[in-house]
Protein backbone atom coordinates (compact mmCIF):
# COMPACT_ATOMS: atom_id res chain seq x y z
CA UNK A 1 0.00 0.00 0.00
CA UNK A 2 2.77 2.40 0.94
CA UNK A 3 4.71 1.46 -2.21
CA UNK A 4 1.61 2.03 -4.36
CA UNK A 5 1.04 5.48 -2.89
CA UNK A 6 4.66 6.35 -3.50
CA UNK A 7 4.38 5.31 -7.15
CA UNK A 8 1.20 7.38 -7.55
CA UNK A 9 2.89 10.40 -6.01
CA UNK A 10 5.90 10.07 -8.31
CA UNK A 11 3.57 9.75 -11.30
CA UNK A 12 1.71 12.92 -10.34
CA UNK A 13 4.99 14.79 -9.87
CA UNK A 14 6.27 13.62 -13.26
CA UNK A 15 3.09 14.74 -15.02
CA UNK A 16 3.29 18.13 -13.32
CA UNK A 17 6.93 18.47 -14.36
CA UNK A 18 6.17 17.55 -17.97
CA UNK A 19 3.26 19.98 -18.09
CA UNK A 20 5.44 22.75 -16.69
CA UNK A 21 8.09 22.08 -19.34
CA UNK A 22 5.44 21.97 -22.07
CA UNK A 23 4.05 25.33 -20.94
CA UNK A 24 7.56 26.73 -20.88
CA UNK A 25 8.30 25.46 -24.40
CA UNK A 26 5.07 27.00 -25.69
CA UNK A 27 5.98 30.32 -24.10
CA UNK A 28 9.50 30.27 -25.56
CA UNK A 29 8.18 29.55 -29.05
CA UNK A 30 5.61 32.33 -28.75
CA UNK A 31 8.28 34.82 -27.74
CA UNK A 32 10.55 33.59 -30.53
CA UNK A 33 8.08 34.38 -33.29
CA UNK A 34 7.38 37.79 -31.76
CA UNK A 35 11.10 38.53 -31.70
CA UNK A 36 11.32 37.43 -35.32
CA UNK A 37 8.65 39.93 -36.30
CA UNK A 38 10.46 42.61 -34.29
CA UNK A 39 13.91 42.06 -35.81
CA UNK A 40 13.14 40.60 -39.23
CA UNK A 41 14.50 43.74 -40.93
CA UNK A 42 17.78 43.65 -38.98
CA UNK A 43 20.59 42.38 -41.28
CA UNK A 44 22.60 40.96 -38.35
CA UNK A 45 19.56 39.05 -37.08
CA UNK A 46 18.66 37.48 -40.42
CA UNK A 47 22.27 36.80 -41.39
CA UNK A 48 22.94 35.13 -38.04
CA UNK A 49 19.97 32.79 -38.44
CA UNK A 50 20.89 31.85 -42.00
CA UNK A 51 24.52 31.35 -40.97
CA UNK A 52 23.48 28.94 -38.22
CA UNK A 53 21.04 27.24 -40.60
CA UNK A 54 23.97 26.53 -42.93
CA UNK A 55 26.76 25.76 -40.45
CA UNK A 56 25.07 24.83 -37.16
CA UNK A 57 23.88 21.52 -35.75
CA UNK A 58 20.24 20.48 -35.80
CA UNK A 59 18.02 19.96 -32.80
CA UNK A 60 18.02 16.21 -32.13
CA UNK A 61 14.86 15.32 -30.20
CA UNK A 62 15.73 11.61 -30.20
CA UNK A 63 18.77 12.18 -28.00
CA UNK A 64 17.21 15.12 -26.12
CA UNK A 65 20.40 17.06 -26.64
CA UNK A 66 19.57 20.72 -26.74
CA UNK A 67 22.75 22.38 -27.89
CA UNK A 68 23.48 25.15 -30.35
CA UNK A 69 26.79 24.22 -31.96
CA UNK A 70 28.33 26.36 -34.68
CA UNK A 71 31.45 25.11 -36.45
CA UNK A 72 33.71 26.95 -38.88
CA UNK A 73 37.36 27.58 -39.71
CA UNK A 74 36.81 31.19 -40.81
CA UNK A 75 37.50 33.45 -37.83
CA UNK A 76 35.47 36.30 -39.33
CA UNK A 77 32.37 34.10 -39.65
CA UNK A 78 32.82 32.79 -36.12
CA UNK A 79 33.23 36.35 -34.82
CA UNK A 80 30.10 37.43 -36.70
CA UNK A 81 28.14 34.55 -35.16
CA UNK A 82 29.39 35.57 -31.71
CA UNK A 83 28.05 39.08 -32.23
CA UNK A 84 24.72 37.60 -33.27
CA UNK A 85 24.58 35.43 -30.14
CA UNK A 86 25.39 38.32 -27.82
CA UNK A 87 22.82 40.63 -29.38
CA UNK A 88 19.90 38.25 -29.84
CA UNK A 89 20.38 35.64 -27.09
CA UNK A 90 20.82 38.01 -24.18
CA UNK A 91 19.61 35.43 -21.64
CA UNK A 92 22.73 33.34 -22.29
CA UNK A 93 25.72 34.37 -20.19
CA UNK A 94 28.96 34.40 -22.15
CA UNK A 95 30.53 32.50 -19.25
CA UNK A 96 28.40 29.54 -20.31
CA UNK A 97 29.90 29.41 -23.80
CA UNK A 98 32.11 26.40 -24.52
CA UNK A 99 34.45 25.91 -27.45
CA UNK A 100 36.23 22.95 -28.95
CA UNK A 101 38.87 22.76 -31.67
CA UNK A 102 39.44 20.25 -34.47
CA UNK A 103 43.15 20.24 -35.28
CA UNK A 104 45.52 18.45 -37.61
CA UNK A 105 48.75 16.92 -36.20
CA UNK A 106 50.95 19.79 -37.41
CA UNK A 107 48.94 22.41 -35.48
CA UNK A 108 50.06 23.25 -31.94
CA UNK A 109 47.01 23.01 -29.61
CA UNK A 110 48.12 25.77 -27.22
CA UNK A 111 48.66 28.24 -30.05
CA UNK A 112 45.33 27.33 -31.60
CA UNK A 113 43.46 27.76 -28.32
CA UNK A 114 45.12 31.14 -27.76
CA UNK A 115 44.12 32.26 -31.25
CA UNK A 116 40.47 31.21 -30.97
CA UNK A 117 40.31 32.52 -27.41
CA UNK A 118 41.02 35.94 -28.89
CA UNK A 119 38.43 35.52 -31.64
CA UNK A 120 35.70 34.42 -29.23
CA UNK A 121 36.89 36.69 -26.42
CA UNK A 122 36.57 33.91 -23.86
CA UNK A 123 39.24 32.49 -21.48
CA UNK A 124 41.14 29.26 -22.14
CA UNK A 125 39.25 27.47 -19.36
CA UNK A 126 36.06 27.55 -21.46
CA UNK A 127 37.66 25.34 -24.12
CA UNK A 128 37.15 21.59 -24.01
CA UNK A 129 39.90 19.19 -25.06
CA UNK A 130 40.89 19.63 -28.71
CA UNK A 131 40.35 16.75 -31.13
CA UNK A 132 43.28 15.79 -33.34
CA UNK A 133 42.21 14.75 -36.83
CA UNK A 134 43.99 12.42 -39.20
CA UNK A 135 46.08 14.40 -41.68
CA UNK A 136 44.97 14.12 -45.29
CA UNK A 137 47.73 15.99 -47.05
CA UNK A 138 49.27 19.36 -47.67
CA UNK A 139 45.94 21.07 -48.39
CA UNK A 140 45.13 20.98 -44.68
CA UNK A 141 48.03 23.32 -43.91
CA UNK A 142 45.78 26.20 -44.95
CA UNK A 143 43.95 25.70 -41.64
CA UNK A 144 46.64 27.32 -39.56
CA UNK A 145 44.60 27.25 -36.35
CA UNK A 146 42.17 24.45 -37.17
CA UNK A 147 38.39 24.57 -36.98
CA UNK A 148 36.45 25.98 -34.04
CA UNK A 149 33.11 24.80 -32.68
CA UNK A 150 31.21 27.09 -30.32
CA UNK A 151 28.71 25.33 -28.04
CA UNK A 152 25.76 26.73 -26.11
CA UNK A 153 23.70 24.30 -24.03
CA UNK A 154 20.15 25.64 -23.74
CA UNK A 155 16.81 24.13 -24.69
CA UNK A 156 15.23 27.58 -24.84
CA UNK A 157 17.90 28.77 -27.27
CA UNK A 158 17.46 25.67 -29.45
CA UNK A 159 13.69 26.09 -29.62
CA UNK A 160 14.10 29.78 -30.40
CA UNK A 161 16.55 29.11 -33.21
CA UNK A 162 14.31 26.38 -34.56
CA UNK A 163 11.36 28.78 -34.73
CA UNK A 164 13.45 31.45 -36.42
CA UNK A 165 14.70 29.01 -39.06
CA UNK A 166 11.15 27.81 -39.68
CA UNK A 167 9.98 31.40 -40.00
CA UNK A 168 12.60 32.07 -42.65
CA UNK A 169 12.03 28.86 -44.57
CA UNK A 170 8.29 29.53 -44.38
CA UNK A 171 7.57 25.94 -45.32
CA UNK A 172 5.07 25.39 -42.54
CA UNK A 173 3.41 28.78 -42.51
CA UNK A 174 2.01 28.80 -46.04
CA UNK A 175 3.06 32.38 -46.75
CA UNK A 176 1.81 33.80 -43.45
CA UNK A 177 4.06 35.47 -40.94
CA UNK A 178 5.49 33.36 -38.14
CA UNK A 179 3.32 35.14 -35.59
CA UNK A 180 0.13 34.49 -37.59
CA UNK A 181 1.06 30.84 -37.93
CA UNK A 182 1.63 30.39 -34.20
CA UNK A 183 -1.49 32.32 -33.24
CA UNK A 184 -3.53 30.14 -35.58
CA UNK A 185 -2.19 27.04 -33.85
CA UNK A 186 -2.97 28.54 -30.43
CA UNK A 187 -6.53 29.34 -31.48
CA UNK A 188 -6.96 25.77 -32.70
CA UNK A 189 -5.71 24.25 -29.43
CA UNK A 190 -7.15 26.90 -27.14
CA UNK A 191 -3.76 27.57 -25.57
CA UNK A 192 -2.89 31.04 -24.38
CA UNK A 193 0.48 31.08 -22.61
CA UNK A 194 1.31 33.80 -20.12
CA UNK A 195 4.03 35.89 -21.70
CA UNK A 196 7.18 37.18 -20.17
CA UNK A 197 8.39 40.69 -20.90
CA UNK A 198 10.64 40.86 -24.00
């Protein structure tokens, strides 16, 4: 009897937790489409989304890994993406950024970390262990400091980026704005999330 009550209590707590996360996800998506409407004429905003769309990792629901990961060997592109993150993901503290390098055997890890530390403007301690790749020939010598991957672990950020990419691709909205699409879905389900200030 005691065991059964404990199981029932755990089940109730799990359902409450899942509902809370669902409500949070709905709120984040709602805010994301509103932000898209607000900044859709900002070149940095649109360019940053398209850049991540081309070079970033995809949200993998199967593994429940919510991580924005942007990888590139061009320091100017990486720097541009950093500016985009700082301006449009203000809830993410730069101290939570993590970076990893993909290097060939002829590249010195310490020099590479120092270089990318300057590009990202983050300390060495925020870099994970570099991965050494198998050398494929002289053409790889052009990558003097290897390739950098910038990681941000945040489900909210992943959902936001996902909504922004969908808004740009416009595949699911049938020509309507992202806000109109989301509002139509909310009207159909009867949901009306409480909004945070933006």
